[in-house]
């Protein structure tokens, strides 16, 4: 599950904390408001535990974005706001 995304709103770096209760194939992607995937942050197998990653959005305009996490059959999407 995604535990925390901070700061939100952000400029230009956001931190994403997530946890895995079991070993899983994990995919974390960023989508724009139109549903277009603009970045893949993680795609691969990870062991159970807690993780943290950062997304540097300095190349993107101010807008609403979505962080999507898939791990096994689990899916979650959270909204984030980039303000420049």
PDB file of N, CA and C in Angstrom:
ATOM      1  N   UNK A   1       0.833  -1.185   0.000  1.00  0.00           N
ATOM      2  CA  UNK A   1       0.000   0.000   0.000  1.00  0.00           C
ATOM      3  C   UNK A   1       0.878   1.250   0.000  1.00  0.00           C
ATOM      4  N   UNK A   2       0.342   2.331  -0.542  1.00  0.00           N
ATOM      5  CA  UNK A   2       1.026   3.619  -0.465  1.00  0.00           C
ATOM      6  C   UNK A   2       0.723   4.197   0.909  1.00  0.00           C
ATOM      7  N   UNK A   3       1.763   4.444   1.695  1.00  0.00           N
ATOM      8  CA  UNK A   3       1.568   4.934   3.057  1.00  0.00           C
ATOM      9  C   UNK A   3       1.493   6.450   3.121  1.00  0.00           C
ATOM     10  N   UNK A   4       2.380   7.122   2.404  1.00  0.00           N
ATOM     11  CA  UNK A   4       2.456   8.561   2.524  1.00  0.00           C
ATOM     12  C   UNK A   4       3.071   9.143   1.261  1.00  0.00           C
ATOM     13  N   UNK A   5       2.518  10.234   0.791  1.00  0.00           N
ATOM     14  CA  UNK A   5       3.095  10.996  -0.309  1.00  0.00           C
ATOM     15  C   UNK A   5       3.238  12.424   0.202  1.00  0.00           C
ATOM     16  N   UNK A   6       4.465  12.918   0.243  1.00  0.00           N
ATOM     17  CA  UNK A   6       4.683  14.252   0.801  1.00  0.00           C
ATOM     18  C   UNK A   6       5.860  14.931   0.100  1.00  0.00           C
ATOM     19  N   UNK A   7       5.931  16.227   0.090  1.00  0.00           N
ATOM     20  CA  UNK A   7       4.796  17.103   0.388  1.00  0.00           C
ATOM     21  C   UNK A   7       3.781  17.037  -0.741  1.00  0.00           C
ATOM     22  N   UNK A   8       2.584  17.408  -0.460  1.00  0.00           N
ATOM     23  CA  UNK A   8       1.547  17.430  -1.476  1.00  0.00           C
ATOM     24  C   UNK A   8       0.589  18.562  -1.141  1.00  0.00           C
ATOM     25  N   UNK A   9       0.613  19.651  -1.893  1.00  0.00           N
ATOM     26  CA  UNK A   9       1.276  19.932  -3.157  1.00  0.00           C
ATOM     27  C   UNK A   9       2.801  19.972  -3.007  1.00  0.00           C
ATOM     28  N   UNK A  10       3.491  19.806  -4.147  1.00  0.00           N
ATOM     29  CA  UNK A  10       4.954  19.744  -4.131  1.00  0.00           C
ATOM     30  C   UNK A  10       5.561  20.584  -5.242  1.00  0.00           C
ATOM     31  N   UNK A  11       6.855  20.870  -5.108  1.00  0.00           N
ATOM     32  CA  UNK A  11       7.608  21.618  -6.115  1.00  0.00           C
ATOM     33  C   UNK A  11       9.098  21.419  -5.881  1.00  0.00           C
ATOM     34  N   UNK A  12       9.830  20.767  -6.721  1.00  0.00           N
ATOM     35  CA  UNK A  12       9.438  19.878  -7.799  1.00  0.00           C
ATOM     36  C   UNK A  12       9.585  18.409  -7.425  1.00  0.00           C
ATOM     37  N   UNK A  13       9.959  18.101  -6.150  1.00  0.00           N
ATOM     38  CA  UNK A  13      10.216  16.708  -5.767  1.00  0.00           C
ATOM     39  C   UNK A  13       9.174  16.245  -4.754  1.00  0.00           C
ATOM     40  N   UNK A  14       8.630  15.057  -5.014  1.00  0.00           N
ATOM     41  CA  UNK A  14       7.672  14.452  -4.102  1.00  0.00           C
ATOM     42  C   UNK A  14       8.229  13.103  -3.641  1.00  0.00           C
ATOM     43  N   UNK A  15       7.993  12.774  -2.381  1.00  0.00           N
ATOM     44  CA  UNK A  15       8.454  11.508  -1.798  1.00  0.00           C
ATOM     45  C   UNK A  15       7.270  10.565  -1.654  1.00  0.00           C
ATOM     46  N   UNK A  16       7.486   9.322  -2.047  1.00  0.00           N
ATOM     47  CA  UNK A  16       6.435   8.308  -2.020  1.00  0.00           C
ATOM     48  C   UNK A  16       6.911   7.165  -1.134  1.00  0.00           C
ATOM     49  N   UNK A  17       6.178   6.906  -0.058  1.00  0.00           N
ATOM     50  CA  UNK A  17       6.490   5.796   0.848  1.00  0.00           C
ATOM     51  C   UNK A  17       5.447   4.703   0.655  1.00  0.00           C
ATOM     52  N   UNK A  18       5.920   3.470   0.557  1.00  0.00           N
ATOM     53  CA  UNK A  18       4.989   2.357   0.354  1.00  0.00           C
ATOM     54  C   UNK A  18       5.528   1.108   1.042  1.00  0.00           C
ATOM     55  N   UNK A  19       4.620   0.164   1.257  1.00  0.00           N
ATOM     56  CA  UNK A  19       4.997  -1.074   1.923  1.00  0.00           C
ATOM     57  C   UNK A  19       4.429  -2.283   1.211  1.00  0.00           C
ATOM     58  N   UNK A  20       5.149  -3.382   1.338  1.00  0.00           N
ATOM     59  CA  UNK A  20       4.735  -4.651   0.744  1.00  0.00           C
ATOM     60  C   UNK A  20       4.652  -5.706   1.848  1.00  0.00           C
ATOM     61  N   UNK A  21       3.488  -6.347   2.030  1.00  0.00           N
ATOM     62  CA  UNK A  21       3.363  -7.381   3.056  1.00  0.00           C
ATOM     63  C   UNK A  21       3.977  -8.711   2.625  1.00  0.00           C
ATOM     64  N   UNK A  22       4.173  -8.896   1.309  1.00  0.00           N
ATOM     65  CA  UNK A  22       4.787 -10.115   0.773  1.00  0.00           C
ATOM     66  C   UNK A  22       5.682  -9.728  -0.403  1.00  0.00           C
ATOM     67  N   UNK A  23       6.552 -10.627  -0.814  1.00  0.00           N
ATOM     68  CA  UNK A  23       7.354 -10.395  -2.015  1.00  0.00           C
ATOM     69  C   UNK A  23       6.411 -10.230  -3.201  1.00  0.00           C
ATOM     70  N   UNK A  24       6.649  -9.216  -4.030  1.00  0.00           N
ATOM     71  CA  UNK A  24       5.718  -8.909  -5.119  1.00  0.00           C
ATOM     72  C   UNK A  24       6.439  -8.308  -6.311  1.00  0.00           C
ATOM     73  N   UNK A  25       5.783  -8.421  -7.462  1.00  0.00           N
ATOM     74  CA  UNK A  25       6.194  -7.649  -8.630  1.00  0.00           C
ATOM     75  C   UNK A  25       5.513  -6.294  -8.491  1.00  0.00           C
ATOM     76  N   UNK A  26       6.296  -5.230  -8.439  1.00  0.00           N
ATOM     77  CA  UNK A  26       5.786  -3.888  -8.151  1.00  0.00           C
ATOM     78  C   UNK A  26       5.951  -2.995  -9.372  1.00  0.00           C
ATOM     79  N   UNK A  27       4.911  -2.212  -9.624  1.00  0.00           N
ATOM     80  CA  UNK A  27       4.978  -1.206 -10.683  1.00  0.00           C
ATOM     81  C   UNK A  27       4.384   0.082 -10.128  1.00  0.00           C
ATOM     82  N   UNK A  28       5.195   1.138 -10.115  1.00  0.00           N
ATOM     83  CA  UNK A  28       4.732   2.455  -9.690  1.00  0.00           C
ATOM     84  C   UNK A  28       4.929   3.400 -10.868  1.00  0.00           C
ATOM     85  N   UNK A  29       3.808   4.012 -11.295  1.00  0.00           N
ATOM     86  CA  UNK A  29       3.841   4.865 -12.466  1.00  0.00           C
ATOM     87  C   UNK A  29       3.152   6.191 -12.184  1.00  0.00           C
ATOM     88  N   UNK A  30       3.538   7.201 -12.959  1.00  0.00           N
ATOM     89  CA  UNK A  30       2.942   8.529 -12.853  1.00  0.00           C
ATOM     90  C   UNK A  30       2.126   8.778 -14.117  1.00  0.00           C
ATOM     91  N   UNK A  31       0.893   9.269 -13.916  1.00  0.00           N
ATOM     92  CA  UNK A  31      -0.006   9.589 -15.023  1.00  0.00           C
ATOM     93  C   UNK A  31      -0.404  11.058 -14.944  1.00  0.00           C
ATOM     94  N   UNK A  32      -0.661  11.661 -16.112  1.00  0.00           N
ATOM     95  CA  UNK A  32      -1.165  13.029 -16.110  1.00  0.00           C
ATOM     96  C   UNK A  32      -2.689  13.002 -15.997  1.00  0.00           C
ATOM     97  N   UNK A  33      -3.293  14.178 -15.996  1.00  0.00           N
ATOM     98  CA  UNK A  33      -4.744  14.291 -15.803  1.00  0.00           C
ATOM     99  C   UNK A  33      -5.536  13.630 -16.929  1.00  0.00           C
ATOM    100  N   UNK A  34      -4.912  13.478 -18.104  1.00  0.00           N
ATOM    101  CA  UNK A  34      -5.573  12.833 -19.239  1.00  0.00           C
ATOM    102  C   UNK A  34      -5.430  11.315 -19.227  1.00  0.00           C
ATOM    103  N   UNK A  35      -4.744  10.776 -18.219  1.00  0.00           N
ATOM    104  CA  UNK A  35      -4.565   9.338 -18.116  1.00  0.00           C
ATOM    105  C   UNK A  35      -3.372   8.800 -18.883  1.00  0.00           C
ATOM    106  N   UNK A  36      -2.541   9.692 -19.414  1.00  0.00           N
ATOM    107  CA  UNK A  36      -1.348   9.270 -20.146  1.00  0.00           C
ATOM    108  C   UNK A  36      -0.207   8.997 -19.166  1.00  0.00           C
ATOM    109  N   UNK A  37       0.398   7.820 -19.290  1.00  0.00           N
ATOM    110  CA  UNK A  37       1.551   7.489 -18.439  1.00  0.00           C
ATOM    111  C   UNK A  37       2.728   8.361 -18.860  1.00  0.00           C
ATOM    112  N   UNK A  38       3.322   9.065 -17.894  1.00  0.00           N
ATOM    113  CA  UNK A  38       4.447   9.926 -18.233  1.00  0.00           C
ATOM    114  C   UNK A  38       5.769   9.426 -17.658  1.00  0.00           C
ATOM    115  N   UNK A  39       5.708   8.601 -16.615  1.00  0.00           N
ATOM    116  CA  UNK A  39       6.937   8.024 -16.056  1.00  0.00           C
ATOM    117  C   UNK A  39       6.629   6.715 -15.356  1.00  0.00           C
ATOM    118  N   UNK A  40       7.603   5.805 -15.412  1.00  0.00           N
ATOM    119  CA  UNK A  40       7.571   4.582 -14.614  1.00  0.00           C
ATOM    120  C   UNK A  40       8.705   4.691 -13.609  1.00  0.00           C
ATOM    121  N   UNK A  41       8.355   4.705 -12.322  1.00  0.00           N
ATOM    122  CA  UNK A  41       9.364   4.875 -11.273  1.00  0.00           C
ATOM    123  C   UNK A  41       9.961   3.545 -10.834  1.00  0.00           C
ATOM    124  N   UNK A  42       9.134   2.524 -10.739  1.00  0.00           N
ATOM    125  CA  UNK A  42       9.571   1.192 -10.318  1.00  0.00           C
ATOM    126  C   UNK A  42       8.842   0.166 -11.179  1.00  0.00           C
ATOM    127  N   UNK A  43       9.583  -0.844 -11.634  1.00  0.00           N
ATOM    128  CA  UNK A  43       8.960  -1.963 -12.324  1.00  0.00           C
ATOM    129  C   UNK A  43       9.873  -3.169 -12.124  1.00  0.00           C
ATOM    130  N   UNK A  44       9.479  -4.041 -11.197  1.00  0.00           N
ATOM    131  CA  UNK A  44      10.293  -5.210 -10.929  1.00  0.00           C
ATOM    132  C   UNK A  44       9.909  -5.870  -9.627  1.00  0.00           C
ATOM    133  N   UNK A  45      10.588  -6.941  -9.310  1.00  0.00           N
ATOM    134  CA  UNK A  45      10.324  -7.694  -8.091  1.00  0.00           C
ATOM    135  C   UNK A  45      10.991  -7.023  -6.895  1.00  0.00           C
ATOM    136  N   UNK A  46      10.253  -6.983  -5.785  1.00  0.00           N
ATOM    137  CA  UNK A  46      10.785  -6.458  -4.534  1.00  0.00           C
ATOM    138  C   UNK A  46      10.360  -7.375  -3.397  1.00  0.00           C
ATOM    139  N   UNK A  47      11.193  -7.439  -2.379  1.00  0.00           N
ATOM    140  CA  UNK A  47      10.888  -8.254  -1.206  1.00  0.00           C
ATOM    141  C   UNK A  47       9.991  -7.469  -0.258  1.00  0.00           C
ATOM    142  N   UNK A  48       9.353  -8.177   0.653  1.00  0.00           N
ATOM    143  CA  UNK A  48       8.475  -7.522   1.608  1.00  0.00           C
ATOM    144  C   UNK A  48       9.251  -6.483   2.400  1.00  0.00           C
ATOM    145  N   UNK A  49       8.542  -5.429   2.811  1.00  0.00           N
ATOM    146  CA  UNK A  49       9.172  -4.368   3.582  1.00  0.00           C
ATOM    147  C   UNK A  49       8.633  -3.006   3.201  1.00  0.00           C
ATOM    148  N   UNK A  50       9.277  -1.982   3.758  1.00  0.00           N
ATOM    149  CA  UNK A  50       8.888  -0.601   3.514  1.00  0.00           C
ATOM    150  C   UNK A  50       9.920   0.056   2.613  1.00  0.00           C
ATOM    151  N   UNK A  51       9.431   0.886   1.693  1.00  0.00           N
ATOM    152  CA  UNK A  51      10.296   1.524   0.703  1.00  0.00           C
ATOM    153  C   UNK A  51       9.947   3.002   0.589  1.00  0.00           C
ATOM    154  N   UNK A  52      10.902   3.770   0.102  1.00  0.00           N
ATOM    155  CA  UNK A  52      10.706   5.181  -0.154  1.00  0.00           C
ATOM    156  C   UNK A  52      11.374   5.526  -1.470  1.00  0.00           C
ATOM    157  N   UNK A  53      10.715   6.318  -2.274  1.00  0.00           N
ATOM    158  CA  UNK A  53      11.330   6.796  -3.514  1.00  0.00           C
ATOM    159  C   UNK A  53      10.896   8.232  -3.744  1.00  0.00           C
ATOM    160  N   UNK A  54      11.613   8.923  -4.607  1.00  0.00           N
ATOM    161  CA  UNK A  54      11.315  10.316  -4.927  1.00  0.00           C
ATOM    162  C   UNK A  54      11.086  10.449  -6.420  1.00  0.00           C
ATOM    163  N   UNK A  55      10.205  11.385  -6.779  1.00  0.00           N
ATOM    164  CA  UNK A  55       9.980  11.718  -8.182  1.00  0.00           C
ATOM    165  C   UNK A  55      10.307  13.186  -8.374  1.00  0.00           C
ATOM    166  N   UNK A  56      11.230  13.459  -9.285  1.00  0.00           N
ATOM    167  CA  UNK A  56      11.605  14.826  -9.629  1.00  0.00           C
ATOM    168  C   UNK A  56      10.788  15.246 -10.841  1.00  0.00           C
ATOM    169  N   UNK A  57       9.839  16.141 -10.633  1.00  0.00           N
ATOM    170  CA  UNK A  57       8.925  16.571 -11.687  1.00  0.00           C
ATOM    171  C   UNK A  57       9.313  17.924 -12.276  1.00  0.00           C
ATOM    172  N   UNK A  58      10.580  18.299 -12.158  1.00  0.00           N
ATOM    173  CA  UNK A  58      11.008  19.616 -12.633  1.00  0.00           C
ATOM    174  C   UNK A  58      10.831  19.787 -14.139  1.00  0.00           C
ATOM    175  N   UNK A  59      10.750  18.703 -14.898  1.00  0.00           N
ATOM    176  CA  UNK A  59      10.579  18.789 -16.351  1.00  0.00           C
ATOM    177  C   UNK A  59       9.108  18.895 -16.760  1.00  0.00           C
ATOM    178  N   UNK A  60       8.191  18.876 -15.794  1.00  0.00           N
ATOM    179  CA  UNK A  60       6.760  18.866 -16.096  1.00  0.00           C
ATOM    180  C   UNK A  60       6.091  20.151 -15.618  1.00  0.00           C
ATOM    181  N   UNK A  61       4.976  20.538 -16.261  1.00  0.00           N
ATOM    182  CA  UNK A  61       4.270  21.760 -15.852  1.00  0.00           C
ATOM    183  C   UNK A  61       3.435  21.539 -14.590  1.00  0.00           C
ATOM    184  N   UNK A  62       3.052  22.637 -13.967  1.00  0.00           N
ATOM    185  CA  UNK A  62       2.137  22.575 -12.826  1.00  0.00           C
ATOM    186  C   UNK A  62       0.846  21.896 -13.264  1.00  0.00           C
ATOM    187  N   UNK A  63       0.405  20.920 -12.489  1.00  0.00           N
ATOM    188  CA  UNK A  63      -0.810  20.181 -12.848  1.00  0.00           C
ATOM    189  C   UNK A  63      -1.103  19.146 -11.774  1.00  0.00           C
ATOM    190  N   UNK A  64      -2.246  18.492 -11.927  1.00  0.00           N
ATOM    191  CA  UNK A  64      -2.600  17.334 -11.115  1.00  0.00           C
ATOM    192  C   UNK A  64      -2.016  16.098 -11.798  1.00  0.00           C
ATOM    193  N   UNK A  65      -1.384  15.242 -11.009  1.00  0.00           N
ATOM    194  CA  UNK A  65      -0.829  13.983 -11.503  1.00  0.00           C
ATOM    195  C   UNK A  65      -1.350  12.862 -10.618  1.00  0.00           C
ATOM    196  N   UNK A  66      -1.189  11.633 -11.077  1.00  0.00           N
ATOM    197  CA  UNK A  66      -1.639  10.478 -10.315  1.00  0.00           C
ATOM    198  C   UNK A  66      -0.493   9.489 -10.157  1.00  0.00           C
ATOM    199  N   UNK A  67      -0.320   8.993  -8.936  1.00  0.00           N
ATOM    200  CA  UNK A  67       0.657   7.947  -8.639  1.00  0.00           C
ATOM    201  C   UNK A  67      -0.121   6.643  -8.580  1.00  0.00           C
ATOM    202  N   UNK A  68       0.249   5.701  -9.437  1.00  0.00           N
ATOM    203  CA  UNK A  68      -0.428   4.411  -9.495  1.00  0.00           C
ATOM    204  C   UNK A  68       0.543   3.321  -9.052  1.00  0.00           C
ATOM    205  N   UNK A  69       0.094   2.492  -8.124  1.00  0.00           N
ATOM    206  CA  UNK A  69       0.912   1.381  -7.628  1.00  0.00           C
ATOM    207  C   UNK A  69       0.174   0.075  -7.871  1.00  0.00           C
ATOM    208  N   UNK A  70       0.885  -0.879  -8.464  1.00  0.00           N
ATOM    209  CA  UNK A  70       0.374  -2.237  -8.624  1.00  0.00           C
ATOM    210  C   UNK A  70       1.380  -3.185  -8.001  1.00  0.00           C
ATOM    211  N   UNK A  71       0.893  -4.086  -7.165  1.00  0.00           N
ATOM    212  CA  UNK A  71       1.736  -5.104  -6.528  1.00  0.00           C
ATOM    213  C   UNK A  71       0.905  -6.377  -6.442  1.00  0.00           C
ATOM    214  N   UNK A  72       1.225  -7.338  -7.293  1.00  0.00           N
ATOM    215  CA  UNK A  72       0.397  -8.538  -7.365  1.00  0.00           C
ATOM    216  C   UNK A  72      -0.990  -8.158  -7.840  1.00  0.00           C
ATOM    217  N   UNK A  73      -2.019  -8.520  -7.083  1.00  0.00           N
ATOM    218  CA  UNK A  73      -3.390  -8.173  -7.457  1.00  0.00           C
ATOM    219  C   UNK A  73      -3.837  -6.844  -6.844  1.00  0.00           C
ATOM    220  N   UNK A  74      -2.975  -6.230  -6.041  1.00  0.00           N
ATOM    221  CA  UNK A  74      -3.289  -4.950  -5.383  1.00  0.00           C
ATOM    222  C   UNK A  74      -3.060  -3.790  -6.341  1.00  0.00           C
ATOM    223  N   UNK A  75      -4.022  -2.836  -6.351  1.00  0.00           N
ATOM    224  CA  UNK A  75      -3.873  -1.610  -7.147  1.00  0.00           C
ATOM    225  C   UNK A  75      -4.352  -0.432  -6.316  1.00  0.00           C
ATOM    226  N   UNK A  76      -3.591   0.674  -6.381  1.00  0.00           N
ATOM    227  CA  UNK A  76      -3.973   1.893  -5.679  1.00  0.00           C
ATOM    228  C   UNK A  76      -3.493   3.084  -6.482  1.00  0.00           C
ATOM    229  N   UNK A  77      -4.315   4.142  -6.487  1.00  0.00           N
ATOM    230  CA  UNK A  77      -3.949   5.368  -7.189  1.00  0.00           C
ATOM    231  C   UNK A  77      -4.189   6.542  -6.244  1.00  0.00           C
ATOM    232  N   UNK A  78      -3.211   7.456  -6.204  1.00  0.00           N
ATOM    233  CA  UNK A  78      -3.326   8.654  -5.382  1.00  0.00           C
ATOM    234  C   UNK A  78      -3.082   9.889  -6.227  1.00  0.00           C
ATOM    235  N   UNK A  79      -3.779  10.965  -5.895  1.00  0.00           N
ATOM    236  CA  UNK A  79      -3.649  12.228  -6.609  1.00  0.00           C
ATOM    237  C   UNK A  79      -2.577  13.084  -5.947  1.00  0.00           C
ATOM    238  N   UNK A  80      -1.747  13.735  -6.780  1.00  0.00           N
ATOM    239  CA  UNK A  80      -0.744  14.675  -6.285  1.00  0.00           C
ATOM    240  C   UNK A  80      -0.833  15.953  -7.113  1.00  0.00           C
ATOM    241  N   UNK A  81      -0.351  17.056  -6.547  1.00  0.00           N
ATOM    242  CA  UNK A  81      -0.446  18.351  -7.207  1.00  0.00           C
ATOM    243  C   UNK A  81       0.932  19.001  -7.267  1.00  0.00           C
ATOM    244  N   UNK A  82       1.394  19.265  -8.492  1.00  0.00           N
ATOM    245  CA  UNK A  82       2.651  19.969  -8.716  1.00  0.00           C
ATOM    246  C   UNK A  82       2.340  21.445  -8.899  1.00  0.00           C
ATOM    247  N   UNK A  83       2.891  22.289  -8.022  1.00  0.00           N
ATOM    248  CA  UNK A  83       2.729  23.735  -8.099  1.00  0.00           C
ATOM    249  C   UNK A  83       4.089  24.378  -8.267  1.00  0.00           C
ATOM    250  N   UNK A  84       4.270  25.099  -9.360  1.00  0.00           N
ATOM    251  CA  UNK A  84       5.554  25.783  -9.593  1.00  0.00           C
ATOM    252  C   UNK A  84       5.384  27.271  -9.398  1.00  0.00           C
TER     253      UNK A  84
END
